[in-house]
Each structure stands twice: as C-alpha cells, then as structure tokens.
C-alpha cells in the first residue's frame, strides 16, 4: 500500500484528488489543508509521497517543502507539487527546490492516479 498525503487549502480539491487517487487500490490517501498541518501529519502518517499545493495561506508549498527537507525524519519523502503555476521557469524553480515534479492544475481525475504512479 502506497501512502499519499495530499496538501491543499481547497477542501473540494482535496476530496476530488482523494477519490481519484483511491480508484487505484494500491493508494491510501490522507488529506490536510495547510503546510503547518502537513508538517505535523507526516510524523504520524509517514507518507510514501506528498502531493503539495504551491499557493496556500500561512505557509505556502515551497516553504513547507523547505521545512520537510530540514528535518532528517522527513527529508527523504518525495514531494510533487500540484499547481496552476506551470510556466517552465516556475516548474524549474520548484524542481530546483527539491520537488520530484509538478502536476498541473486543473488535473484530470481520471488520469491522476496514473500520473502519480509515474512519479513513484
């Protein structure tokens, strides 16, 4: 079972992503709506992959990723950003910050699981 933590401040996007990913029986999905909550949740849930929104109030995605990388216990968890900001220079910046890749928003719920699987 692959554990995925989906982090997005939009509850409806979390729900759609969770349902779409769980169409793949190998995925177990947990959601949270803030970077700060994600930093707490990773300690107990130990996800195999984090899907992370870029623009969130409070702590944005890049800051959340930076905090994950600072902690030896979470530094190795792969992170893929899910964002509408997909200009080449933006994608390059996110990958340079340590992300495994970027999934463009809006994503297709029917292909999201396959897209995520390609990052594993």
PDB file of N, CA and C in Angstrom:
ATOM      1  N   UNK A   1       0.844  -1.181   0.000  1.00  0.00           N
ATOM      2  CA  UNK A   1       0.000   0.000   0.000  1.00  0.00           C
ATOM      3  C   UNK A   1       0.892   1.248   0.000  1.00  0.00           C
ATOM      4  N   UNK A   2       0.637   2.148  -0.924  1.00  0.00           N
ATOM      5  CA  UNK A   2       1.382   3.400  -1.020  1.00  0.00           C
ATOM      6  C   UNK A   2       0.580   4.490  -0.319  1.00  0.00           C
ATOM      7  N   UNK A   3       1.183   5.091   0.704  1.00  0.00           N
ATOM      8  CA  UNK A   3       0.510   6.149   1.461  1.00  0.00           C
ATOM      9  C   UNK A   3       0.848   7.512   0.853  1.00  0.00           C
ATOM     10  N   UNK A   4      -0.206   8.265   0.536  1.00  0.00           N
ATOM     11  CA  UNK A   4      -0.057   9.586  -0.071  1.00  0.00           C
ATOM     12  C   UNK A   4      -0.689  10.625   0.838  1.00  0.00           C
ATOM     13  N   UNK A   5       0.025  11.718   1.058  1.00  0.00           N
ATOM     14  CA  UNK A   5      -0.530  12.862   1.774  1.00  0.00           C
ATOM     15  C   UNK A   5      -0.776  13.956   0.740  1.00  0.00           C
ATOM     16  N   UNK A   6      -2.042  14.358   0.599  1.00  0.00           N
ATOM     17  CA  UNK A   6      -2.415  15.418  -0.341  1.00  0.00           C
ATOM     18  C   UNK A   6      -2.659  16.686   0.465  1.00  0.00           C
ATOM     19  N   UNK A   7      -1.912  17.755   0.158  1.00  0.00           N
ATOM     20  CA  UNK A   7      -1.979  19.003   0.916  1.00  0.00           C
ATOM     21  C   UNK A   7      -2.479  20.120   0.010  1.00  0.00           C
ATOM     22  N   UNK A   8      -3.666  20.658   0.325  1.00  0.00           N
ATOM     23  CA  UNK A   8      -4.260  21.740  -0.470  1.00  0.00           C
ATOM     24  C   UNK A   8      -5.254  22.475   0.419  1.00  0.00           C
ATOM     25  N   UNK A   9      -5.233  23.803   0.369  1.00  0.00           N
ATOM     26  CA  UNK A   9      -6.143  24.577   1.212  1.00  0.00           C
ATOM     27  C   UNK A   9      -7.592  24.541   0.718  1.00  0.00           C
ATOM     28  N   UNK A  10      -7.822  24.019  -0.470  1.00  0.00           N
ATOM     29  CA  UNK A  10      -9.181  23.920  -1.018  1.00  0.00           C
ATOM     30  C   UNK A  10      -9.754  22.540  -0.702  1.00  0.00           C
ATOM     31  N   UNK A  11     -10.730  22.480   0.196  1.00  0.00           N
ATOM     32  CA  UNK A  11     -11.310  21.212   0.632  1.00  0.00           C
ATOM     33  C   UNK A  11     -11.879  20.418  -0.538  1.00  0.00           C
ATOM     34  N   UNK A  12     -12.541  21.077  -1.477  1.00  0.00           N
ATOM     35  CA  UNK A  12     -13.142  20.350  -2.600  1.00  0.00           C
ATOM     36  C   UNK A  12     -12.084  19.696  -3.487  1.00  0.00           C
ATOM     37  N   UNK A  13     -10.947  20.350  -3.662  1.00  0.00           N
ATOM     38  CA  UNK A  13      -9.864  19.758  -4.456  1.00  0.00           C
ATOM     39  C   UNK A  13      -9.289  18.549  -3.714  1.00  0.00           C
ATOM     40  N   UNK A  14      -9.149  18.663  -2.399  1.00  0.00           N
ATOM     41  CA  UNK A  14      -8.680  17.518  -1.599  1.00  0.00           C
ATOM     42  C   UNK A  14      -9.603  16.321  -1.780  1.00  0.00           C
ATOM     43  N   UNK A  15     -10.904  16.562  -1.751  1.00  0.00           N
ATOM     44  CA  UNK A  15     -11.874  15.470  -1.877  1.00  0.00           C
ATOM     45  C   UNK A  15     -11.810  14.821  -3.255  1.00  0.00           C
ATOM     46  N   UNK A  16     -11.759  15.642  -4.311  1.00  0.00           N
ATOM     47  CA  UNK A  16     -11.684  15.103  -5.669  1.00  0.00           C
ATOM     48  C   UNK A  16     -10.390  14.308  -5.848  1.00  0.00           C
ATOM     49  N   UNK A  17      -9.278  14.874  -5.389  1.00  0.00           N
ATOM     50  CA  UNK A  17      -7.987  14.187  -5.526  1.00  0.00           C
ATOM     51  C   UNK A  17      -7.987  12.871  -4.756  1.00  0.00           C
ATOM     52  N   UNK A  18      -8.510  12.893  -3.561  1.00  0.00           N
ATOM     53  CA  UNK A  18      -8.546  11.682  -2.745  1.00  0.00           C
ATOM     54  C   UNK A  18      -9.365  10.587  -3.421  1.00  0.00           C
ATOM     55  N   UNK A  19     -10.555  10.937  -3.905  1.00  0.00           N
ATOM     56  CA  UNK A  19     -11.399   9.954  -4.595  1.00  0.00           C
ATOM     57  C   UNK A  19     -10.718   9.433  -5.853  1.00  0.00           C
ATOM     58  N   UNK A  20     -10.095  10.343  -6.609  1.00  0.00           N
ATOM     59  CA  UNK A  20      -9.447   9.949  -7.863  1.00  0.00           C
ATOM     60  C   UNK A  20      -8.270   9.013  -7.599  1.00  0.00           C
ATOM     61  N   UNK A  21      -7.468   9.336  -6.593  1.00  0.00           N
ATOM     62  CA  UNK A  21      -6.301   8.509  -6.294  1.00  0.00           C
ATOM     63  C   UNK A  21      -6.699   7.151  -5.733  1.00  0.00           C
ATOM     64  N   UNK A  22      -7.758   7.116  -4.948  1.00  0.00           N
ATOM     65  CA  UNK A  22      -8.175   5.856  -4.342  1.00  0.00           C
ATOM     66  C   UNK A  22      -8.886   4.926  -5.326  1.00  0.00           C
ATOM     67  N   UNK A  23      -9.071   5.386  -6.569  1.00  0.00           N
ATOM     68  CA  UNK A  23      -9.532   4.480  -7.623  1.00  0.00           C
ATOM     69  C   UNK A  23      -8.467   3.411  -7.864  1.00  0.00           C
ATOM     70  N   UNK A  24      -7.224   3.752  -7.540  1.00  0.00           N
ATOM     71  CA  UNK A  24      -6.118   2.797  -7.604  1.00  0.00           C
ATOM     72  C   UNK A  24      -6.054   2.131  -6.232  1.00  0.00           C
ATOM     73  N   UNK A  25      -6.337   0.858  -6.180  1.00  0.00           N
ATOM     74  CA  UNK A  25      -6.417   0.157  -4.893  1.00  0.00           C
ATOM     75  C   UNK A  25      -5.077   0.105  -4.146  1.00  0.00           C
ATOM     76  N   UNK A  26      -3.989   0.459  -4.813  1.00  0.00           N
ATOM     77  CA  UNK A  26      -2.678   0.454  -4.158  1.00  0.00           C
ATOM     78  C   UNK A  26      -2.425   1.750  -3.379  1.00  0.00           C
ATOM     79  N   UNK A  27      -3.306   2.741  -3.545  1.00  0.00           N
ATOM     80  CA  UNK A  27      -3.103   4.037  -2.892  1.00  0.00           C
ATOM     81  C   UNK A  27      -4.014   4.201  -1.683  1.00  0.00           C
ATOM     82  N   UNK A  28      -3.422   4.694  -0.611  1.00  0.00           N
ATOM     83  CA  UNK A  28      -4.167   5.098   0.583  1.00  0.00           C
ATOM     84  C   UNK A  28      -3.892   6.583   0.743  1.00  0.00           C
ATOM     85  N   UNK A  29      -4.945   7.401   0.775  1.00  0.00           N
ATOM     86  CA  UNK A  29      -4.771   8.854   0.739  1.00  0.00           C
ATOM     87  C   UNK A  29      -5.271   9.504   2.018  1.00  0.00           C
ATOM     88  N   UNK A  30      -4.462  10.426   2.507  1.00  0.00           N
ATOM     89  CA  UNK A  30      -4.837  11.272   3.634  1.00  0.00           C
ATOM     90  C   UNK A  30      -4.716  12.708   3.133  1.00  0.00           C
ATOM     91  N   UNK A  31      -5.591  13.584   3.589  1.00  0.00           N
ATOM     92  CA  UNK A  31      -5.527  14.974   3.144  1.00  0.00           C
ATOM     93  C   UNK A  31      -5.382  15.913   4.332  1.00  0.00           C
ATOM     94  N   UNK A  32      -4.823  17.051   4.038  1.00  0.00           N
ATOM     95  CA  UNK A  32      -4.722  18.124   5.017  1.00  0.00           C
ATOM     96  C   UNK A  32      -4.776  19.442   4.254  1.00  0.00           C
ATOM     97  N   UNK A  33      -5.138  20.501   4.959  1.00  0.00           N
ATOM     98  CA  UNK A  33      -5.389  21.761   4.261  1.00  0.00           C
ATOM     99  C   UNK A  33      -4.401  22.874   4.549  1.00  0.00           C
ATOM    100  N   UNK A  34      -3.244  22.539   5.140  1.00  0.00           N
ATOM    101  CA  UNK A  34      -2.238  23.583   5.356  1.00  0.00           C
ATOM    102  C   UNK A  34      -0.849  22.959   5.445  1.00  0.00           C
ATOM    103  N   UNK A  35       0.131  23.765   5.129  1.00  0.00           N
ATOM    104  CA  UNK A  35       1.512  23.312   5.237  1.00  0.00           C
ATOM    105  C   UNK A  35       1.880  22.984   6.669  1.00  0.00           C
ATOM    106  N   UNK A  36       1.429  23.821   7.602  1.00  0.00           N
ATOM    107  CA  UNK A  36       1.732  23.594   9.012  1.00  0.00           C
ATOM    108  C   UNK A  36       1.152  22.262   9.477  1.00  0.00           C
ATOM    109  N   UNK A  37      -0.093  21.987   9.105  1.00  0.00           N
ATOM    110  CA  UNK A  37      -0.723  20.719   9.487  1.00  0.00           C
ATOM    111  C   UNK A  37      -0.011  19.545   8.823  1.00  0.00           C
ATOM    112  N   UNK A  38       0.455  19.743   7.588  1.00  0.00           N
ATOM    113  CA  UNK A  38       1.176  18.673   6.880  1.00  0.00           C
ATOM    114  C   UNK A  38       2.452  18.303   7.628  1.00  0.00           C
ATOM    115  N   UNK A  39       3.166  19.304   8.151  1.00  0.00           N
ATOM    116  CA  UNK A  39       4.405  19.038   8.880  1.00  0.00           C
ATOM    117  C   UNK A  39       4.143  18.203  10.131  1.00  0.00           C
ATOM    118  N   UNK A  40       3.006  18.413  10.757  1.00  0.00           N
ATOM    119  CA  UNK A  40       2.623  17.620  11.921  1.00  0.00           C
ATOM    120  C   UNK A  40       2.178  16.226  11.492  1.00  0.00           C
ATOM    121  N   UNK A  41       1.381  16.159  10.440  1.00  0.00           N
ATOM    122  CA  UNK A  41       0.784  14.897   9.995  1.00  0.00           C
ATOM    123  C   UNK A  41       1.832  13.908   9.495  1.00  0.00           C
ATOM    124  N   UNK A  42       2.897  14.381   8.849  1.00  0.00           N
ATOM    125  CA  UNK A  42       3.895  13.451   8.298  1.00  0.00           C
ATOM    126  C   UNK A  42       4.579  12.635   9.399  1.00  0.00           C
ATOM    127  N   UNK A  43       4.637  13.180  10.597  1.00  0.00           N
ATOM    128  CA  UNK A  43       5.296  12.464  11.691  1.00  0.00           C
ATOM    129  C   UNK A  43       4.540  11.187  12.056  1.00  0.00           C
ATOM    130  N   UNK A  44       3.212  11.235  11.990  1.00  0.00           N
ATOM    131  CA  UNK A  44       2.424  10.062  12.363  1.00  0.00           C
ATOM    132  C   UNK A  44       2.038   9.194  11.170  1.00  0.00           C
ATOM    133  N   UNK A  45       1.789   9.815  10.020  1.00  0.00           N
ATOM    134  CA  UNK A  45       1.303   9.033   8.878  1.00  0.00           C
ATOM    135  C   UNK A  45       2.417   8.446   8.019  1.00  0.00           C
ATOM    136  N   UNK A  46       3.616   9.022   8.098  1.00  0.00           N
ATOM    137  CA  UNK A  46       4.763   8.541   7.324  1.00  0.00           C
ATOM    138  C   UNK A  46       4.386   8.235   5.869  1.00  0.00           C
ATOM    139  N   UNK A  47       3.991   9.246   5.110  1.00  0.00           N
ATOM    140  CA  UNK A  47       3.590   9.003   3.721  1.00  0.00           C
ATOM    141  C   UNK A  47       4.775   8.594   2.843  1.00  0.00           C
ATOM    142  N   UNK A  48       4.445   7.871   1.776  1.00  0.00           N
ATOM    143  CA  UNK A  48       5.453   7.480   0.781  1.00  0.00           C
ATOM    144  C   UNK A  48       5.639   8.586  -0.248  1.00  0.00           C
ATOM    145  N   UNK A  49       4.644   9.481  -0.341  1.00  0.00           N
ATOM    146  CA  UNK A  49       4.674  10.581  -1.307  1.00  0.00           C
ATOM    147  C   UNK A  49       3.785  11.698  -0.775  1.00  0.00           C
ATOM    148  N   UNK A  50       4.214  12.935  -0.992  1.00  0.00           N
ATOM    149  CA  UNK A  50       3.396  14.096  -0.635  1.00  0.00           C
ATOM    150  C   UNK A  50       3.065  14.849  -1.915  1.00  0.00           C
ATOM    151  N   UNK A  51       1.780  15.116  -2.114  1.00  0.00           N
ATOM    152  CA  UNK A  51       1.314  15.971  -3.199  1.00  0.00           C
ATOM    153  C   UNK A  51       0.976  17.308  -2.552  1.00  0.00           C
ATOM    154  N   UNK A  52       1.608  18.376  -3.020  1.00  0.00           N
ATOM    155  CA  UNK A  52       1.615  19.644  -2.302  1.00  0.00           C
ATOM    156  C   UNK A  52       1.221  20.811  -3.189  1.00  0.00           C
ATOM    157  N   UNK A  53       0.196  21.538  -2.768  1.00  0.00           N
ATOM    158  CA  UNK A  53      -0.225  22.757  -3.454  1.00  0.00           C
ATOM    159  C   UNK A  53       0.868  23.818  -3.265  1.00  0.00           C
ATOM    160  N   UNK A  54       1.026  24.700  -4.230  1.00  0.00           N
ATOM    161  CA  UNK A  54       2.029  25.758  -4.118  1.00  0.00           C
ATOM    162  C   UNK A  54       1.490  26.939  -3.321  1.00  0.00           C
ATOM    163  N   UNK A  55       0.320  27.434  -3.720  1.00  0.00           N
ATOM    164  CA  UNK A  55      -0.213  28.648  -3.105  1.00  0.00           C
ATOM    165  C   UNK A  55      -1.239  28.297  -2.027  1.00  0.00           C
ATOM    166  N   UNK A  56      -0.819  28.479  -0.763  1.00  0.00           N
ATOM    167  CA  UNK A  56      -1.695  28.255   0.383  1.00  0.00           C
ATOM    168  C   UNK A  56      -1.473  29.397   1.366  1.00  0.00           C
ATOM    169  N   UNK A  57      -2.515  29.776   2.096  1.00  0.00           N
ATOM    170  CA  UNK A  57      -2.328  30.827   3.105  1.00  0.00           C
ATOM    171  C   UNK A  57      -1.466  30.317   4.258  1.00  0.00           C
ATOM    172  N   UNK A  58      -0.830  31.229   4.932  1.00  0.00           N
ATOM    173  CA  UNK A  58       0.017  30.847   6.067  1.00  0.00           C
ATOM    174  C   UNK A  58       1.374  30.373   5.585  1.00  0.00           C
ATOM    175  N   UNK A  59       1.486  29.079   5.351  1.00  0.00           N
ATOM    176  CA  UNK A  59       2.743  28.500   4.877  1.00  0.00           C
ATOM    177  C   UNK A  59       2.510  27.932   3.478  1.00  0.00           C
ATOM    178  N   UNK A  60       3.176  28.506   2.487  1.00  0.00           N
ATOM    179  CA  UNK A  60       2.978  28.027   1.118  1.00  0.00           C
ATOM    180  C   UNK A  60       3.721  26.708   0.885  1.00  0.00           C
ATOM    181  N   UNK A  61       3.491  26.126  -0.284  1.00  0.00           N
ATOM    182  CA  UNK A  61       4.092  24.840  -0.611  1.00  0.00           C
ATOM    183  C   UNK A  61       5.615  24.835  -0.594  1.00  0.00           C
ATOM    184  N   UNK A  62       6.269  25.798  -1.257  1.00  0.00           N
ATOM    185  CA  UNK A  62       7.732  25.805  -1.233  1.00  0.00           C
ATOM    186  C   UNK A  62       8.314  25.920   0.180  1.00  0.00           C
ATOM    187  N   UNK A  63       7.676  26.691   1.057  1.00  0.00           N
ATOM    188  CA  UNK A  63       8.143  26.796   2.440  1.00  0.00           C
ATOM    189  C   UNK A  63       7.940  25.471   3.165  1.00  0.00           C
ATOM    190  N   UNK A  64       6.807  24.827   2.915  1.00  0.00           N
ATOM    191  CA  UNK A  64       6.532  23.516   3.515  1.00  0.00           C
ATOM    192  C   UNK A  64       7.597  22.512   3.079  1.00  0.00           C
ATOM    193  N   UNK A  65       7.917  22.510   1.784  1.00  0.00           N
ATOM    194  CA  UNK A  65       8.954  21.605   1.274  1.00  0.00           C
ATOM    195  C   UNK A  65      10.295  21.885   1.953  1.00  0.00           C
ATOM    196  N   UNK A  66      10.634  23.142   2.096  1.00  0.00           N
ATOM    197  CA  UNK A  66      11.890  23.512   2.741  1.00  0.00           C
ATOM    198  C   UNK A  66      11.943  22.971   4.177  1.00  0.00           C
ATOM    199  N   UNK A  67      10.848  23.104   4.905  1.00  0.00           N
ATOM    200  CA  UNK A  67      10.787  22.602   6.288  1.00  0.00           C
ATOM    201  C   UNK A  67      10.899  21.079   6.317  1.00  0.00           C
ATOM    202  N   UNK A  68      10.262  20.399   5.353  1.00  0.00           N
ATOM    203  CA  UNK A  68      10.369  18.941   5.274  1.00  0.00           C
ATOM    204  C   UNK A  68      11.821  18.525   5.054  1.00  0.00           C
ATOM    205  N   UNK A  69      12.528  19.245   4.184  1.00  0.00           N
ATOM    206  CA  UNK A  69      13.913  18.907   3.856  1.00  0.00           C
ATOM    207  C   UNK A  69      14.868  19.187   5.014  1.00  0.00           C
ATOM    208  N   UNK A  70      14.517  20.134   5.891  1.00  0.00           N
ATOM    209  CA  UNK A  70      15.363  20.472   7.041  1.00  0.00           C
ATOM    210  C   UNK A  70      15.350  19.389   8.111  1.00  0.00           C
ATOM    211  N   UNK A  71      14.282  18.585   8.155  1.00  0.00           N
ATOM    212  CA  UNK A  71      14.114  17.569   9.194  1.00  0.00           C
ATOM    213  C   UNK A  71      14.607  16.222   8.674  1.00  0.00           C
ATOM    214  N   UNK A  72      15.612  15.623   9.328  1.00  0.00           N
ATOM    215  CA  UNK A  72      16.137  14.337   8.850  1.00  0.00           C
ATOM    216  C   UNK A  72      15.061  13.244   8.732  1.00  0.00           C
ATOM    217  N   UNK A  73      14.030  13.307   9.558  1.00  0.00           N
ATOM    218  CA  UNK A  73      12.981  12.302   9.527  1.00  0.00           C
ATOM    219  C   UNK A  73      12.041  12.416   8.336  1.00  0.00           C
ATOM    220  N   UNK A  74      12.007  13.602   7.717  1.00  0.00           N
ATOM    221  CA  UNK A  74      11.101  13.812   6.578  1.00  0.00           C
ATOM    222  C   UNK A  74      11.834  14.228   5.304  1.00  0.00           C
ATOM    223  N   UNK A  75      13.136  14.409   5.402  1.00  0.00           N
ATOM    224  CA  UNK A  75      13.918  14.928   4.268  1.00  0.00           C
ATOM    225  C   UNK A  75      13.834  14.050   3.027  1.00  0.00           C
ATOM    226  N   UNK A  76      13.662  12.746   3.211  1.00  0.00           N
ATOM    227  CA  UNK A  76      13.675  11.842   2.074  1.00  0.00           C
ATOM    228  C   UNK A  76      12.321  11.559   1.454  1.00  0.00           C
ATOM    229  N   UNK A  77      11.253  12.146   1.998  1.00  0.00           N
ATOM    230  CA  UNK A  77       9.920  11.881   1.439  1.00  0.00           C
ATOM    231  C   UNK A  77       9.790  12.619   0.105  1.00  0.00           C
ATOM    232  N   UNK A  78       9.470  11.898  -0.981  1.00  0.00           N
ATOM    233  CA  UNK A  78       9.300  12.565  -2.270  1.00  0.00           C
ATOM    234  C   UNK A  78       8.094  13.510  -2.246  1.00  0.00           C
ATOM    235  N   UNK A  79       8.270  14.670  -2.878  1.00  0.00           N
ATOM    236  CA  UNK A  79       7.212  15.681  -2.951  1.00  0.00           C
ATOM    237  C   UNK A  79       6.982  16.046  -4.412  1.00  0.00           C
ATOM    238  N   UNK A  80       5.706  16.062  -4.808  1.00  0.00           N
ATOM    239  CA  UNK A  80       5.310  16.514  -6.137  1.00  0.00           C
ATOM    240  C   UNK A  80       4.350  17.680  -5.932  1.00  0.00           C
ATOM    241  N   UNK A  81       4.634  18.802  -6.567  1.00  0.00           N
ATOM    242  CA  UNK A  81       3.732  19.949  -6.460  1.00  0.00           C
ATOM    243  C   UNK A  81       2.554  19.775  -7.409  1.00  0.00           C
ATOM    244  N   UNK A  82       1.394  20.245  -6.955  1.00  0.00           N
ATOM    245  CA  UNK A  82       0.183  20.284  -7.771  1.00  0.00           C
ATOM    246  C   UNK A  82      -0.204  21.755  -7.831  1.00  0.00           C
ATOM    247  N   UNK A  83      -0.104  22.347  -9.032  1.00  0.00           N
ATOM    248  CA  UNK A  83      -0.260  23.801  -9.130  1.00  0.00           C
ATOM    249  C   UNK A  83      -0.731  24.239 -10.507  1.00  0.00           C
ATOM    250  N   UNK A  84      -1.377  25.388 -10.528  1.00  0.00           N
ATOM    251  CA  UNK A  84      -1.756  26.010 -11.797  1.00  0.00           C
ATOM    252  C   UNK A  84      -0.582  26.807 -12.373  1.00  0.00           C
ATOM    253  N   UNK A  85       0.438  27.029 -11.563  1.00  0.00           N
ATOM    254  CA  UNK A  85       1.606  27.809 -11.994  1.00  0.00           C
ATOM    255  C   UNK A  85       2.599  26.871 -12.673  1.00  0.00           C
ATOM    256  N   UNK A  86       2.440  26.696 -13.979  1.00  0.00           N
ATOM    257  CA  UNK A  86       3.238  25.689 -14.675  1.00  0.00           C
ATOM    258  C   UNK A  86       4.101  26.279 -15.800  1.00  0.00           C
ATOM    259  N   UNK A  87       4.401  27.574 -15.733  1.00  0.00           N
ATOM    260  CA  UNK A  87       5.331  28.135 -16.700  1.00  0.00           C
ATOM    261  C   UNK A  87       6.679  27.439 -16.493  1.00  0.00           C
ATOM    262  N   UNK A  88       7.435  27.238 -17.571  1.00  0.00           N
ATOM    263  CA  UNK A  88       8.706  26.492 -17.459  1.00  0.00           C
ATOM    264  C   UNK A  88       9.633  26.993 -16.354  1.00  0.00           C
ATOM    265  N   UNK A  89       9.763  28.313 -16.207  1.00  0.00           N
ATOM    266  CA  UNK A  89      10.668  28.830 -15.172  1.00  0.00           C
ATOM    267  C   UNK A  89      10.137  28.530 -13.766  1.00  0.00           C
ATOM    268  N   UNK A  90       8.826  28.501 -13.605  1.00  0.00           N
ATOM    269  CA  UNK A  90       8.228  28.166 -12.308  1.00  0.00           C
ATOM    270  C   UNK A  90       8.464  26.689 -11.975  1.00  0.00           C
ATOM    271  N   UNK A  91       8.255  25.819 -12.961  1.00  0.00           N
ATOM    272  CA  UNK A  91       8.487  24.386 -12.769  1.00  0.00           C
ATOM    273  C   UNK A  91       9.959  24.139 -12.430  1.00  0.00           C
ATOM    274  N   UNK A  92      10.860  24.799 -13.145  1.00  0.00           N
ATOM    275  CA  UNK A  92      12.297  24.654 -12.876  1.00  0.00           C
ATOM    276  C   UNK A  92      12.635  25.077 -11.451  1.00  0.00           C
ATOM    277  N   UNK A  93      12.018  26.167 -10.993  1.00  0.00           N
ATOM    278  CA  UNK A  93      12.267  26.672  -9.636  1.00  0.00           C
ATOM    279  C   UNK A  93      11.798  25.651  -8.594  1.00  0.00           C
ATOM    280  N   UNK A  94      10.630  25.040  -8.817  1.00  0.00           N
ATOM    281  CA  UNK A  94      10.091  24.066  -7.868  1.00  0.00           C
ATOM    282  C   UNK A  94      10.944  22.800  -7.827  1.00  0.00           C
ATOM    283  N   UNK A  95      11.418  22.368  -8.974  1.00  0.00           N
ATOM    284  CA  UNK A  95      12.270  21.181  -9.022  1.00  0.00           C
ATOM    285  C   UNK A  95      13.632  21.492  -8.383  1.00  0.00           C
ATOM    286  N   UNK A  96      14.144  22.693  -8.641  1.00  0.00           N
ATOM    287  CA  UNK A  96      15.413  23.094  -8.024  1.00  0.00           C
ATOM    288  C   UNK A  96      15.285  23.163  -6.499  1.00  0.00           C
ATOM    289  N   UNK A  97      14.071  23.430  -6.001  1.00  0.00           N
ATOM    290  CA  UNK A  97      13.832  23.492  -4.558  1.00  0.00           C
ATOM    291  C   UNK A  97      13.752  22.103  -3.928  1.00  0.00           C
ATOM    292  N   UNK A  98      13.728  21.063  -4.778  1.00  0.00           N
ATOM    293  CA  UNK A  98      13.733  19.712  -4.245  1.00  0.00           C
ATOM    294  C   UNK A  98      12.518  18.871  -4.576  1.00  0.00           C
ATOM    295  N   UNK A  99      11.604  19.399  -5.397  1.00  0.00           N
ATOM    296  CA  UNK A  99      10.425  18.618  -5.774  1.00  0.00           C
ATOM    297  C   UNK A  99      10.795  17.576  -6.823  1.00  0.00           C
ATOM    298  N   UNK A 100      10.089  16.472  -6.781  1.00  0.00           N
ATOM    299  CA  UNK A 100      10.273  15.401  -7.753  1.00  0.00           C
ATOM    300  C   UNK A 100       9.683  15.802  -9.103  1.00  0.00           C
ATOM    301  N   UNK A 101       8.628  16.601  -9.078  1.00  0.00           N
ATOM    302  CA  UNK A 101       7.973  17.041 -10.303  1.00  0.00           C
ATOM    303  C   UNK A 101       6.787  17.925 -10.009  1.00  0.00           C
ATOM    304  N   UNK A 102       6.015  18.215 -11.061  1.00  0.00           N
ATOM    305  CA  UNK A 102       4.859  19.103 -10.958  1.00  0.00           C
ATOM    306  C   UNK A 102       3.697  18.495 -11.742  1.00  0.00           C
ATOM    307  N   UNK A 103       2.527  18.469 -11.110  1.00  0.00           N
ATOM    308  CA  UNK A 103       1.285  18.059 -11.772  1.00  0.00           C
ATOM    309  C   UNK A 103       0.476  19.333 -11.967  1.00  0.00           C
ATOM    310  N   UNK A 104       0.095  19.638 -13.223  1.00  0.00           N
ATOM    311  CA  UNK A 104      -0.661  20.870 -13.474  1.00  0.00           C
ATOM    312  C   UNK A 104      -2.097  20.782 -12.954  1.00  0.00           C
ATOM    313  N   UNK A 105      -2.568  21.911 -12.418  1.00  0.00           N
ATOM    314  CA  UNK A 105      -3.980  22.079 -12.073  1.00  0.00           C
ATOM    315  C   UNK A 105      -4.615  22.869 -13.198  1.00  0.00           C
ATOM    316  N   UNK A 106      -5.840  22.606 -13.558  1.00  0.00           N
ATOM    317  CA  UNK A 106      -6.655  21.525 -13.010  1.00  0.00           C
ATOM    318  C   UNK A 106      -6.173  20.181 -13.555  1.00  0.00           C
ATOM    319  N   UNK A 107      -6.143  19.179 -12.682  1.00  0.00           N
ATOM    320  CA  UNK A 107      -5.745  17.843 -13.101  1.00  0.00           C
ATOM    321  C   UNK A 107      -6.982  17.071 -13.555  1.00  0.00           C
ATOM    322  N   UNK A 108      -6.746  16.035 -14.334  1.00  0.00           N
ATOM    323  CA  UNK A 108      -7.832  15.157 -14.786  1.00  0.00           C
ATOM    324  C   UNK A 108      -7.996  14.056 -13.745  1.00  0.00           C
ATOM    325  N   UNK A 109      -9.131  14.011 -13.036  1.00  0.00           N
ATOM    326  CA  UNK A 109      -9.317  12.984 -12.010  1.00  0.00           C
ATOM    327  C   UNK A 109      -9.184  11.557 -12.551  1.00  0.00           C
ATOM    328  N   UNK A 110      -9.501  11.356 -13.821  1.00  0.00           N
ATOM    329  CA  UNK A 110      -9.445  10.013 -14.389  1.00  0.00           C
ATOM    330  C   UNK A 110      -8.009   9.534 -14.640  1.00  0.00           C
ATOM    331  N   UNK A 111      -7.064  10.465 -14.757  1.00  0.00           N
ATOM    332  CA  UNK A 111      -5.677  10.081 -15.021  1.00  0.00           C
ATOM    333  C   UNK A 111      -4.735  10.425 -13.865  1.00  0.00           C
ATOM    334  N   UNK A 112      -5.266  11.003 -12.791  1.00  0.00           N
ATOM    335  CA  UNK A 112      -4.407  11.443 -11.686  1.00  0.00           C
ATOM    336  C   UNK A 112      -3.623  10.280 -11.072  1.00  0.00           C
ATOM    337  N   UNK A 113      -4.267   9.167 -10.831  1.00  0.00           N
ATOM    338  CA  UNK A 113      -3.568   8.024 -10.216  1.00  0.00           C
ATOM    339  C   UNK A 113      -2.407   7.557 -11.090  1.00  0.00           C
ATOM    340  N   UNK A 114      -2.628   7.486 -12.397  1.00  0.00           N
ATOM    341  CA  UNK A 114      -1.564   7.057 -13.310  1.00  0.00           C
ATOM    342  C   UNK A 114      -0.427   8.086 -13.322  1.00  0.00           C
ATOM    343  N   UNK A 115      -0.784   9.361 -13.274  1.00  0.00           N
ATOM    344  CA  UNK A 115       0.236  10.407 -13.252  1.00  0.00           C
ATOM    345  C   UNK A 115       1.068  10.298 -11.977  1.00  0.00           C
ATOM    346  N   UNK A 116       0.402  10.107 -10.846  1.00  0.00           N
ATOM    347  CA  UNK A 116       1.122   9.966  -9.587  1.00  0.00           C
ATOM    348  C   UNK A 116       1.996   8.718  -9.612  1.00  0.00           C
ATOM    349  N   UNK A 117       1.471   7.635 -10.137  1.00  0.00           N
ATOM    350  CA  UNK A 117       2.234   6.375 -10.221  1.00  0.00           C
ATOM    351  C   UNK A 117       3.539   6.597 -11.011  1.00  0.00           C
ATOM    352  N   UNK A 118       3.503   7.473 -12.011  1.00  0.00           N
ATOM    353  CA  UNK A 118       4.706   7.716 -12.836  1.00  0.00           C
ATOM    354  C   UNK A 118       5.822   8.370 -12.018  1.00  0.00           C
ATOM    355  N   UNK A 119       5.482   8.985 -10.881  1.00  0.00           N
ATOM    356  CA  UNK A 119       6.498   9.610 -10.029  1.00  0.00           C
ATOM    357  C   UNK A 119       7.063   8.637  -8.995  1.00  0.00           C
ATOM    358  N   UNK A 120       6.435   7.491  -8.832  1.00  0.00           N
ATOM    359  CA  UNK A 120       6.877   6.544  -7.791  1.00  0.00           C
ATOM    360  C   UNK A 120       7.956   5.604  -8.300  1.00  0.00           C
TER     361      UNK A 120
END
